[in-house]
PDB file of N, CA and C in Angstrom:
ATOM      1  N   MET A   1      79.497  29.291 -54.771  1.00  0.00           N
ATOM      2  CA  MET A   1      79.605  29.307 -56.221  1.00  0.00           C
ATOM      3  C   MET A   1      80.742  28.394 -56.648  1.00  0.00           C
ATOM      4  N   LYS A   2      80.568  27.763 -57.760  1.00  0.00           N
ATOM      5  CA  LYS A   2      81.602  26.865 -58.276  1.00  0.00           C
ATOM      6  C   LYS A   2      81.982  27.307 -59.685  1.00  0.00           C
ATOM      7  N   PHE A   3      83.277  27.387 -59.945  1.00  0.00           N
ATOM      8  CA  PHE A   3      83.798  27.722 -61.265  1.00  0.00           C
ATOM      9  C   PHE A   3      84.735  26.601 -61.686  1.00  0.00           C
ATOM     10  N   THR A   4      84.593  26.139 -62.920  1.00  0.00           N
ATOM     11  CA  THR A   4      85.424  25.059 -63.454  1.00  0.00           C
ATOM     12  C   THR A   4      86.177  25.560 -64.669  1.00  0.00           C
ATOM     13  N   ALA A   5      87.480  25.269 -64.702  1.00  0.00           N
ATOM     14  CA  ALA A   5      88.315  25.668 -65.832  1.00  0.00           C
ATOM     15  C   ALA A   5      87.888  24.919 -67.090  1.00  0.00           C
ATOM     16  N   SER A   6      88.127  25.519 -68.223  1.00  0.00           N
ATOM     17  CA  SER A   6      87.793  24.895 -69.501  1.00  0.00           C
ATOM     18  C   SER A   6      88.719  23.720 -69.784  1.00  0.00           C
ATOM     19  N   ARG A   7      88.161  22.668 -70.307  1.00  0.00           N
ATOM     20  CA  ARG A   7      88.970  21.511 -70.709  1.00  0.00           C
ATOM     21  C   ARG A   7      89.842  21.819 -71.920  1.00  0.00           C
ATOM     22  N   LEU A   8      89.531  22.883 -72.616  1.00  0.00           N
ATOM     23  CA  LEU A   8      90.328  23.275 -73.786  1.00  0.00           C
ATOM     24  C   LEU A   8      91.606  24.003 -73.390  1.00  0.00           C
ATOM     25  N   SER A   9      91.714  24.420 -72.138  1.00  0.00           N
ATOM     26  CA  SER A   9      92.883  25.183 -71.701  1.00  0.00           C
ATOM     27  C   SER A   9      94.027  24.257 -71.299  1.00  0.00           C
ATOM     28  N   GLU A  10      95.212  24.797 -71.368  1.00  0.00           N
ATOM     29  CA  GLU A  10      96.429  24.053 -71.042  1.00  0.00           C
ATOM     30  C   GLU A  10      96.393  23.543 -69.601  1.00  0.00           C
ATOM     31  N   GLY A  11      96.711  22.272 -69.409  1.00  0.00           N
ATOM     32  CA  GLY A  11      96.770  21.689 -68.079  1.00  0.00           C
ATOM     33  C   GLY A  11      95.432  21.235 -67.518  1.00  0.00           C
ATOM     34  N   ASN A  12      94.353  21.430 -68.244  1.00  0.00           N
ATOM     35  CA  ASN A  12      93.027  21.085 -67.739  1.00  0.00           C
ATOM     36  C   ASN A  12      92.283  20.096 -68.640  1.00  0.00           C
ATOM     37  N   LYS A  13      92.978  19.414 -69.516  1.00  0.00           N
ATOM     38  CA  LYS A  13      92.345  18.550 -70.519  1.00  0.00           C
ATOM     39  C   LYS A  13      91.517  17.429 -69.903  1.00  0.00           C
ATOM     40  N   VAL A  14      92.114  16.678 -68.989  1.00  0.00           N
ATOM     41  CA  VAL A  14      91.436  15.527 -68.407  1.00  0.00           C
ATOM     42  C   VAL A  14      90.758  15.894 -67.090  1.00  0.00           C
ATOM     43  N   PHE A  15      91.480  16.625 -66.243  1.00  0.00           N
ATOM     44  CA  PHE A  15      90.985  16.984 -64.919  1.00  0.00           C
ATOM     45  C   PHE A  15      91.042  18.502 -64.755  1.00  0.00           C
ATOM     46  N   PRO A  16      89.971  19.212 -65.052  1.00  0.00           N
ATOM     47  CA  PRO A  16      90.010  20.668 -64.952  1.00  0.00           C
ATOM     48  C   PRO A  16      90.034  21.162 -63.503  1.00  0.00           C
ATOM     49  N   ALA A  17      90.710  22.277 -63.302  1.00  0.00           N
ATOM     50  CA  ALA A  17      90.770  22.915 -61.986  1.00  0.00           C
ATOM     51  C   ALA A  17      89.397  23.478 -61.627  1.00  0.00           C
ATOM     52  N   GLU A  18      89.141  23.579 -60.324  1.00  0.00           N
ATOM     53  CA  GLU A  18      87.874  24.130 -59.846  1.00  0.00           C
ATOM     54  C   GLU A  18      88.142  25.119 -58.721  1.00  0.00           C
ATOM     55  N   ILE A  19      87.304  26.141 -58.662  1.00  0.00           N
ATOM     56  CA  ILE A  19      87.326  27.090 -57.555  1.00  0.00           C
ATOM     57  C   ILE A  19      85.927  27.107 -56.956  1.00  0.00           C
ATOM     58  N   HIS A  20      85.856  26.852 -55.654  1.00  0.00           N
ATOM     59  CA  HIS A  20      84.589  26.889 -54.923  1.00  0.00           C
ATOM     60  C   HIS A  20      84.645  28.082 -53.976  1.00  0.00           C
ATOM     61  N   LEU A  21      83.758  29.044 -54.183  1.00  0.00           N
ATOM     62  CA  LEU A  21      83.690  30.212 -53.316  1.00  0.00           C
ATOM     63  C   LEU A  21      82.608  29.965 -52.272  1.00  0.00           C
ATOM     64  N   GLU A  22      83.040  29.793 -51.039  1.00  0.00           N
ATOM     65  CA  GLU A  22      82.132  29.552 -49.930  1.00  0.00           C
ATOM     66  C   GLU A  22      81.903  30.858 -49.172  1.00  0.00           C
ATOM     67  N   GLU A  23      81.124  30.795 -48.119  1.00  0.00           N
ATOM     68  CA  GLU A  23      80.819  31.995 -47.346  1.00  0.00           C
ATOM     69  C   GLU A  23      82.044  32.574 -46.644  1.00  0.00           C
ATOM     70  N   ASN A  24      82.895  31.701 -46.091  1.00  0.00           N
ATOM     71  CA  ASN A  24      84.050  32.165 -45.317  1.00  0.00           C
ATOM     72  C   ASN A  24      85.398  31.838 -45.937  1.00  0.00           C
ATOM     73  N   SER A  25      85.399  31.025 -46.995  1.00  0.00           N
ATOM     74  CA  SER A  25      86.680  30.589 -47.546  1.00  0.00           C
ATOM     75  C   SER A  25      86.546  30.195 -49.012  1.00  0.00           C
ATOM     76  N   ILE A  26      87.702  29.898 -49.589  1.00  0.00           N
ATOM     77  CA  ILE A  26      87.793  29.451 -50.970  1.00  0.00           C
ATOM     78  C   ILE A  26      88.428  28.068 -50.951  1.00  0.00           C
ATOM     79  N   GLU A  27      87.886  27.164 -51.755  1.00  0.00           N
ATOM     80  CA  GLU A  27      88.530  25.872 -51.955  1.00  0.00           C
ATOM     81  C   GLU A  27      88.992  25.820 -53.402  1.00  0.00           C
ATOM     82  N   ILE A  28      90.261  25.527 -53.589  1.00  0.00           N
ATOM     83  CA  ILE A  28      90.840  25.411 -54.926  1.00  0.00           C
ATOM     84  C   ILE A  28      91.228  23.954 -55.112  1.00  0.00           C
ATOM     85  N   LYS A  29      90.653  23.326 -56.127  1.00  0.00           N
ATOM     86  CA  LYS A  29      90.945  21.921 -56.421  1.00  0.00           C
ATOM     87  C   LYS A  29      91.687  21.840 -57.745  1.00  0.00           C
ATOM     88  N   ILE A  30      92.881  21.273 -57.684  1.00  0.00           N
ATOM     89  CA  ILE A  30      93.660  21.029 -58.892  1.00  0.00           C
ATOM     90  C   ILE A  30      93.879  19.526 -58.957  1.00  0.00           C
ATOM     91  N   PRO A  31      92.978  18.806 -59.659  1.00  0.00           N
ATOM     92  CA  PRO A  31      93.053  17.353 -59.699  1.00  0.00           C
ATOM     93  C   PRO A  31      94.231  16.855 -60.536  1.00  0.00           C
ATOM     94  N   GLY A  32      94.626  15.636 -60.255  1.00  0.00           N
ATOM     95  CA  GLY A  32      95.676  14.996 -61.021  1.00  0.00           C
ATOM     96  C   GLY A  32      95.283  13.564 -61.334  1.00  0.00           C
ATOM     97  N   LEU A  33      96.128  12.877 -62.050  1.00  0.00           N
ATOM     98  CA  LEU A  33      95.829  11.520 -62.469  1.00  0.00           C
ATOM     99  C   LEU A  33      95.707  10.576 -61.270  1.00  0.00           C
ATOM    100  N   PHE A  34      96.689  10.577 -60.379  1.00  0.00           N
ATOM    101  CA  PHE A  34      96.664   9.681 -59.231  1.00  0.00           C
ATOM    102  C   PHE A  34      96.383  10.396 -57.924  1.00  0.00           C
ATOM    103  N   SER A  35      96.604  11.673 -57.905  1.00  0.00           N
ATOM    104  CA  SER A  35      96.299  12.447 -56.704  1.00  0.00           C
ATOM    105  C   SER A  35      96.034  13.887 -57.115  1.00  0.00           C
ATOM    106  N   GLY A  36      95.288  14.556 -56.322  1.00  0.00           N
ATOM    107  CA  GLY A  36      94.987  15.945 -56.609  1.00  0.00           C
ATOM    108  C   GLY A  36      95.475  16.825 -55.483  1.00  0.00           C
ATOM    109  N   ASP A  37      95.285  18.093 -55.667  1.00  0.00           N
ATOM    110  CA  ASP A  37      95.715  19.058 -54.668  1.00  0.00           C
ATOM    111  C   ASP A  37      94.523  19.953 -54.357  1.00  0.00           C
ATOM    112  N   SER A  38      94.166  20.041 -53.095  1.00  0.00           N
ATOM    113  CA  SER A  38      93.101  20.947 -52.659  1.00  0.00           C
ATOM    114  C   SER A  38      93.683  21.918 -51.654  1.00  0.00           C
ATOM    115  N   LYS A  39      93.334  23.178 -51.827  1.00  0.00           N
ATOM    116  CA  LYS A  39      93.783  24.196 -50.896  1.00  0.00           C
ATOM    117  C   LYS A  39      92.568  24.966 -50.403  1.00  0.00           C
ATOM    118  N   TYR A  40      92.574  25.286 -49.134  1.00  0.00           N
ATOM    119  CA  TYR A  40      91.523  26.098 -48.540  1.00  0.00           C
ATOM    120  C   TYR A  40      92.152  27.402 -48.080  1.00  0.00           C
ATOM    121  N   LEU A  41      91.534  28.509 -48.448  1.00  0.00           N
ATOM    122  CA  LEU A  41      92.012  29.821 -48.038  1.00  0.00           C
ATOM    123  C   LEU A  41      90.872  30.598 -47.413  1.00  0.00           C
ATOM    124  N   ASN A  42      91.123  31.197 -46.266  1.00  0.00           N
ATOM    125  CA  ASN A  42      90.174  32.148 -45.713  1.00  0.00           C
ATOM    126  C   ASN A  42      90.337  33.452 -46.477  1.00  0.00           C
ATOM    127  N   TYR A  43      89.249  34.164 -46.669  1.00  0.00           N
ATOM    128  CA  TYR A  43      89.313  35.403 -47.441  1.00  0.00           C
ATOM    129  C   TYR A  43      90.307  36.399 -46.848  1.00  0.00           C
ATOM    130  N   GLU A  44      90.357  36.479 -45.519  1.00  0.00           N
ATOM    131  CA  GLU A  44      91.248  37.458 -44.887  1.00  0.00           C
ATOM    132  C   GLU A  44      92.725  37.097 -45.046  1.00  0.00           C
ATOM    133  N   ASP A  45      93.031  35.865 -45.425  1.00  0.00           N
ATOM    134  CA  ASP A  45      94.416  35.445 -45.644  1.00  0.00           C
ATOM    135  C   ASP A  45      94.942  35.866 -47.016  1.00  0.00           C
ATOM    136  N   ILE A  46      94.061  36.246 -47.919  1.00  0.00           N
ATOM    137  CA  ILE A  46      94.474  36.638 -49.267  1.00  0.00           C
ATOM    138  C   ILE A  46      94.956  38.081 -49.222  1.00  0.00           C
ATOM    139  N   THR A  47      96.223  38.279 -49.579  1.00  0.00           N
ATOM    140  CA  THR A  47      96.803  39.620 -49.514  1.00  0.00           C
ATOM    141  C   THR A  47      96.690  40.366 -50.836  1.00  0.00           C
ATOM    142  N   SER A  48      96.637  39.621 -51.943  1.00  0.00           N
ATOM    143  CA  SER A  48      96.602  40.264 -53.254  1.00  0.00           C
ATOM    144  C   SER A  48      96.033  39.305 -54.292  1.00  0.00           C
ATOM    145  N   ILE A  49      95.458  39.894 -55.347  1.00  0.00           N
ATOM    146  CA  ILE A  49      94.901  39.115 -56.457  1.00  0.00           C
ATOM    147  C   ILE A  49      95.435  39.703 -57.758  1.00  0.00           C
ATOM    148  N   GLU A  50      95.906  38.855 -58.645  1.00  0.00           N
ATOM    149  CA  GLU A  50      96.329  39.275 -59.988  1.00  0.00           C
ATOM    150  C   GLU A  50      95.535  38.478 -61.012  1.00  0.00           C
ATOM    151  N   VAL A  51      95.194  39.146 -62.104  1.00  0.00           N
ATOM    152  CA  VAL A  51      94.443  38.493 -63.168  1.00  0.00           C
ATOM    153  C   VAL A  51      95.126  38.785 -64.496  1.00  0.00           C
ATOM    154  N   ASP A  52      95.334  37.758 -65.297  1.00  0.00           N
ATOM    155  CA  ASP A  52      95.809  37.901 -66.676  1.00  0.00           C
ATOM    156  C   ASP A  52      94.672  37.464 -67.587  1.00  0.00           C
ATOM    157  N   SER A  53      94.192  38.396 -68.394  1.00  0.00           N
ATOM    158  CA  SER A  53      93.111  38.094 -69.342  1.00  0.00           C
ATOM    159  C   SER A  53      93.542  38.516 -70.736  1.00  0.00           C
ATOM    160  N   PRO A  54      94.100  37.598 -71.511  1.00  0.00           N
ATOM    161  CA  PRO A  54      94.522  37.946 -72.869  1.00  0.00           C
ATOM    162  C   PRO A  54      93.319  38.185 -73.773  1.00  0.00           C
ATOM    163  N   MET A  55      93.546  38.870 -74.880  1.00  0.00           N
ATOM    164  CA  MET A  55      92.455  39.136 -75.825  1.00  0.00           C
ATOM    165  C   MET A  55      91.870  37.822 -76.343  1.00  0.00           C
ATOM    166  N   ILE A  56      92.747  36.855 -76.611  1.00  0.00           N
ATOM    167  CA  ILE A  56      92.315  35.545 -77.089  1.00  0.00           C
ATOM    168  C   ILE A  56      92.879  34.502 -76.133  1.00  0.00           C
ATOM    169  N   GLY A  57      92.043  33.589 -75.718  1.00  0.00           N
ATOM    170  CA  GLY A  57      92.520  32.526 -74.840  1.00  0.00           C
ATOM    171  C   GLY A  57      91.877  32.608 -73.472  1.00  0.00           C
ATOM    172  N   PHE A  58      92.429  31.856 -72.563  1.00  0.00           N
ATOM    173  CA  PHE A  58      91.852  31.723 -71.230  1.00  0.00           C
ATOM    174  C   PHE A  58      92.602  32.569 -70.223  1.00  0.00           C
ATOM    175  N   SER A  59      91.902  32.936 -69.178  1.00  0.00           N
ATOM    176  CA  SER A  59      92.452  33.803 -68.143  1.00  0.00           C
ATOM    177  C   SER A  59      93.100  32.997 -67.028  1.00  0.00           C
ATOM    178  N   THR A  60      94.031  33.662 -66.349  1.00  0.00           N
ATOM    179  CA  THR A  60      94.728  33.096 -65.202  1.00  0.00           C
ATOM    180  C   THR A  60      94.493  34.010 -64.019  1.00  0.00           C
ATOM    181  N   ILE A  61      94.255  33.424 -62.871  1.00  0.00           N
ATOM    182  CA  ILE A  61      94.106  34.202 -61.642  1.00  0.00           C
ATOM    183  C   ILE A  61      95.170  33.730 -60.659  1.00  0.00           C
ATOM    184  N   ARG A  62      95.815  34.697 -60.004  1.00  0.00           N
ATOM    185  CA  ARG A  62      96.840  34.404 -58.996  1.00  0.00           C
ATOM    186  C   ARG A  62      96.374  34.967 -57.664  1.00  0.00           C
ATOM    187  N   LEU A  63      96.383  34.126 -56.658  1.00  0.00           N
ATOM    188  CA  LEU A  63      96.030  34.535 -55.308  1.00  0.00           C
ATOM    189  C   LEU A  63      97.293  34.496 -54.460  1.00  0.00           C
ATOM    190  N   PHE A  64      97.575  35.598 -53.795  1.00  0.00           N
ATOM    191  CA  PHE A  64      98.762  35.691 -52.958  1.00  0.00           C
ATOM    192  C   PHE A  64      98.345  35.689 -51.493  1.00  0.00           C
ATOM    193  N   THR A  65      99.017  34.864 -50.718  1.00  0.00           N
ATOM    194  CA  THR A  65      98.863  34.855 -49.274  1.00  0.00           C
ATOM    195  C   THR A  65     100.249  35.125 -48.711  1.00  0.00           C
ATOM    196  N   THR A  66     100.362  35.227 -47.435  1.00  0.00           N
ATOM    197  CA  THR A  66     101.661  35.498 -46.836  1.00  0.00           C
ATOM    198  C   THR A  66     102.654  34.406 -47.235  1.00  0.00           C
ATOM    199  N   GLY A  67     103.577  34.749 -48.113  1.00  0.00           N
ATOM    200  CA  GLY A  67     104.620  33.823 -48.527  1.00  0.00           C
ATOM    201  C   GLY A  67     104.240  32.818 -49.593  1.00  0.00           C
ATOM    202  N   ASN A  68     103.017  32.801 -50.073  1.00  0.00           N
ATOM    203  CA  ASN A  68     102.595  31.806 -51.065  1.00  0.00           C
ATOM    204  C   ASN A  68     101.874  32.454 -52.234  1.00  0.00           C
ATOM    205  N   LYS A  69     101.959  31.779 -53.377  1.00  0.00           N
ATOM    206  CA  LYS A  69     101.226  32.195 -54.569  1.00  0.00           C
ATOM    207  C   LYS A  69     100.524  30.963 -55.120  1.00  0.00           C
ATOM    208  N   ILE A  70      99.240  31.120 -55.412  1.00  0.00           N
ATOM    209  CA  ILE A  70      98.466  30.041 -56.016  1.00  0.00           C
ATOM    210  C   ILE A  70      97.986  30.542 -57.372  1.00  0.00           C
ATOM    211  N   GLU A  71      98.315  29.798 -58.422  1.00  0.00           N
ATOM    212  CA  GLU A  71      97.961  30.200 -59.781  1.00  0.00           C
ATOM    213  C   GLU A  71      97.015  29.166 -60.374  1.00  0.00           C
ATOM    214  N   ILE A  72      95.891  29.665 -60.896  1.00  0.00           N
ATOM    215  CA  ILE A  72      94.892  28.789 -61.499  1.00  0.00           C
ATOM    216  C   ILE A  72      94.606  29.313 -62.895  1.00  0.00           C
ATOM    217  N   HIS A  73      94.660  28.439 -63.895  1.00  0.00           N
ATOM    218  CA  HIS A  73      94.537  28.836 -65.293  1.00  0.00           C
ATOM    219  C   HIS A  73      93.347  28.136 -65.939  1.00  0.00           C
ATOM    220  N   GLY A  74      92.774  28.805 -66.944  1.00  0.00           N
ATOM    221  CA  GLY A  74      91.787  28.140 -67.780  1.00  0.00           C
ATOM    222  C   GLY A  74      90.367  28.638 -67.640  1.00  0.00           C
ATOM    223  N   PHE A  75      90.185  29.808 -67.047  1.00  0.00           N
ATOM    224  CA  PHE A  75      88.835  30.329 -66.836  1.00  0.00           C
ATOM    225  C   PHE A  75      88.499  31.402 -67.864  1.00  0.00           C
ATOM    226  N   SER A  76      87.212  31.585 -68.111  1.00  0.00           N
ATOM    227  CA  SER A  76      86.769  32.646 -69.022  1.00  0.00           C
ATOM    228  C   SER A  76      86.967  34.002 -68.337  1.00  0.00           C
ATOM    229  N   LYS A  77      86.987  35.048 -69.140  1.00  0.00           N
ATOM    230  CA  LYS A  77      87.148  36.398 -68.590  1.00  0.00           C
ATOM    231  C   LYS A  77      86.019  36.733 -67.632  1.00  0.00           C
ATOM    232  N   SER A  78      84.800  36.354 -67.988  1.00  0.00           N
ATOM    233  CA  SER A  78      83.660  36.667 -67.111  1.00  0.00           C
ATOM    234  C   SER A  78      83.760  35.899 -65.789  1.00  0.00           C
ATOM    235  N   ASP A  79      84.220  34.642 -65.841  1.00  0.00           N
ATOM    236  CA  ASP A  79      84.404  33.882 -64.602  1.00  0.00           C
ATOM    237  C   ASP A  79      85.437  34.546 -63.703  1.00  0.00           C
ATOM    238  N   VAL A  80      86.556  34.951 -64.284  1.00  0.00           N
ATOM    239  CA  VAL A  80      87.629  35.572 -63.501  1.00  0.00           C
ATOM    240  C   VAL A  80      87.150  36.879 -62.877  1.00  0.00           C
ATOM    241  N   LYS A  81      86.378  37.658 -63.623  1.00  0.00           N
ATOM    242  CA  LYS A  81      85.838  38.906 -63.063  1.00  0.00           C
ATOM    243  C   LYS A  81      84.931  38.620 -61.880  1.00  0.00           C
ATOM    244  N   GLN A  82      84.074  37.610 -62.007  1.00  0.00           N
ATOM    245  CA  GLN A  82      83.161  37.254 -60.925  1.00  0.00           C
ATOM    246  C   GLN A  82      83.925  36.709 -59.726  1.00  0.00           C
ATOM    247  N   ILE A  83      84.925  35.875 -59.960  1.00  0.00           N
ATOM    248  CA  ILE A  83      85.742  35.329 -58.866  1.00  0.00           C
ATOM    249  C   ILE A  83      86.419  36.461 -58.115  1.00  0.00           C
ATOM    250  N   ARG A  84      87.054  37.356 -58.854  1.00  0.00           N
ATOM    251  CA  ARG A  84      87.765  38.480 -58.227  1.00  0.00           C
ATOM    252  C   ARG A  84      86.798  39.365 -57.428  1.00  0.00           C
ATOM    253  N   LYS A  85      85.664  39.678 -58.016  1.00  0.00           N
ATOM    254  CA  LYS A  85      84.678  40.525 -57.351  1.00  0.00           C
ATOM    255  C   LYS A  85      84.202  39.888 -56.042  1.00  0.00           C
ATOM    256  N   THR A  86      83.884  38.606 -56.084  1.00  0.00           N
ATOM    257  CA  THR A  86      83.406  37.905 -54.893  1.00  0.00           C
ATOM    258  C   THR A  86      84.478  37.861 -53.815  1.00  0.00           C
ATOM    259  N   ILE A  87      85.717  37.580 -54.200  1.00  0.00           N
ATOM    260  CA  ILE A  87      86.812  37.538 -53.221  1.00  0.00           C
ATOM    261  C   ILE A  87      86.996  38.912 -52.589  1.00  0.00           C
ATOM    262  N   GLU A  88      87.028  39.958 -53.397  1.00  0.00           N
ATOM    263  CA  GLU A  88      87.242  41.301 -52.861  1.00  0.00           C
ATOM    264  C   GLU A  88      86.095  41.732 -51.947  1.00  0.00           C
ATOM    265  N   GLU A  89      84.860  41.404 -52.307  1.00  0.00           N
ATOM    266  CA  GLU A  89      83.713  41.726 -51.449  1.00  0.00           C
ATOM    267  C   GLU A  89      83.815  41.005 -50.110  1.00  0.00           C
ATOM    268  N   ASN A  90      84.171  39.725 -50.136  1.00  0.00           N
ATOM    269  CA  ASN A  90      84.291  38.969 -48.899  1.00  0.00           C
ATOM    270  C   ASN A  90      85.488  39.399 -48.065  1.00  0.00           C
ATOM    271  N   ARG A  91      86.564  39.804 -48.719  1.00  0.00           N
ATOM    272  CA  ARG A  91      87.719  40.321 -47.972  1.00  0.00           C
ATOM    273  C   ARG A  91      87.349  41.596 -47.226  1.00  0.00           C
ATOM    274  N   SER A  92      86.616  42.489 -47.904  1.00  0.00           N
ATOM    275  CA  SER A  92      86.253  43.750 -47.262  1.00  0.00           C
ATOM    276  C   SER A  92      85.258  43.522 -46.122  1.00  0.00           C
ATOM    277  N   LYS A  93      84.354  42.547 -46.241  1.00  0.00           N
ATOM    278  CA  LYS A  93      83.418  42.218 -45.160  1.00  0.00           C
ATOM    279  C   LYS A  93      84.174  41.749 -43.921  1.00  0.00           C
ATOM    280  N   ARG A  94      85.201  40.953 -44.126  1.00  0.00           N
ATOM    281  CA  ARG A  94      85.957  40.370 -43.008  1.00  0.00           C
ATOM    282  C   ARG A  94      86.796  41.417 -42.292  1.00  0.00           C
ATOM    283  N   ARG A  95      87.164  42.484 -42.965  1.00  0.00           N
ATOM    284  CA  ARG A  95      88.008  43.518 -42.354  1.00  0.00           C
ATOM    285  C   ARG A  95      87.237  44.480 -41.474  1.00  0.00           C
ATOM    286  N   LYS A  96      85.923  44.485 -41.629  1.00  0.00           N
ATOM    287  CA  LYS A  96      85.107  45.427 -40.847  1.00  0.00           C
ATOM    288  C   LYS A  96      84.901  44.961 -39.442  1.00  0.00           C
TER     289      LYS A  96
END
C-alpha cells in the first residue's frame, strides 16, 4: 500500500512524503529539492507508534525504533488510521 502526504500540508508543498507498506517492511520517503531521504524499517523493529490527529488539519504519525524517532506529517485521519492498523497487524504477525 502507498500513502502520500497532502501537498497542502506544511513541508510537503513541492515534494510530499510517502509511506509504502510492504509485506515485511515499511519504506518512508521524504523527498527534497536536491536529495531525499528514504528509510526502511522492519515491522518488528518498531517499538511504538504515536498519532496526532487534530480536529482541523493534517495528521502526524511518529514511529519509534530503538533509539530513533521518525516523524511524518501531512496525512488524512483515515490514512493514519489505516497505516497504524496495518503496522500493528504486521508487528503482531512477526511476534508469533
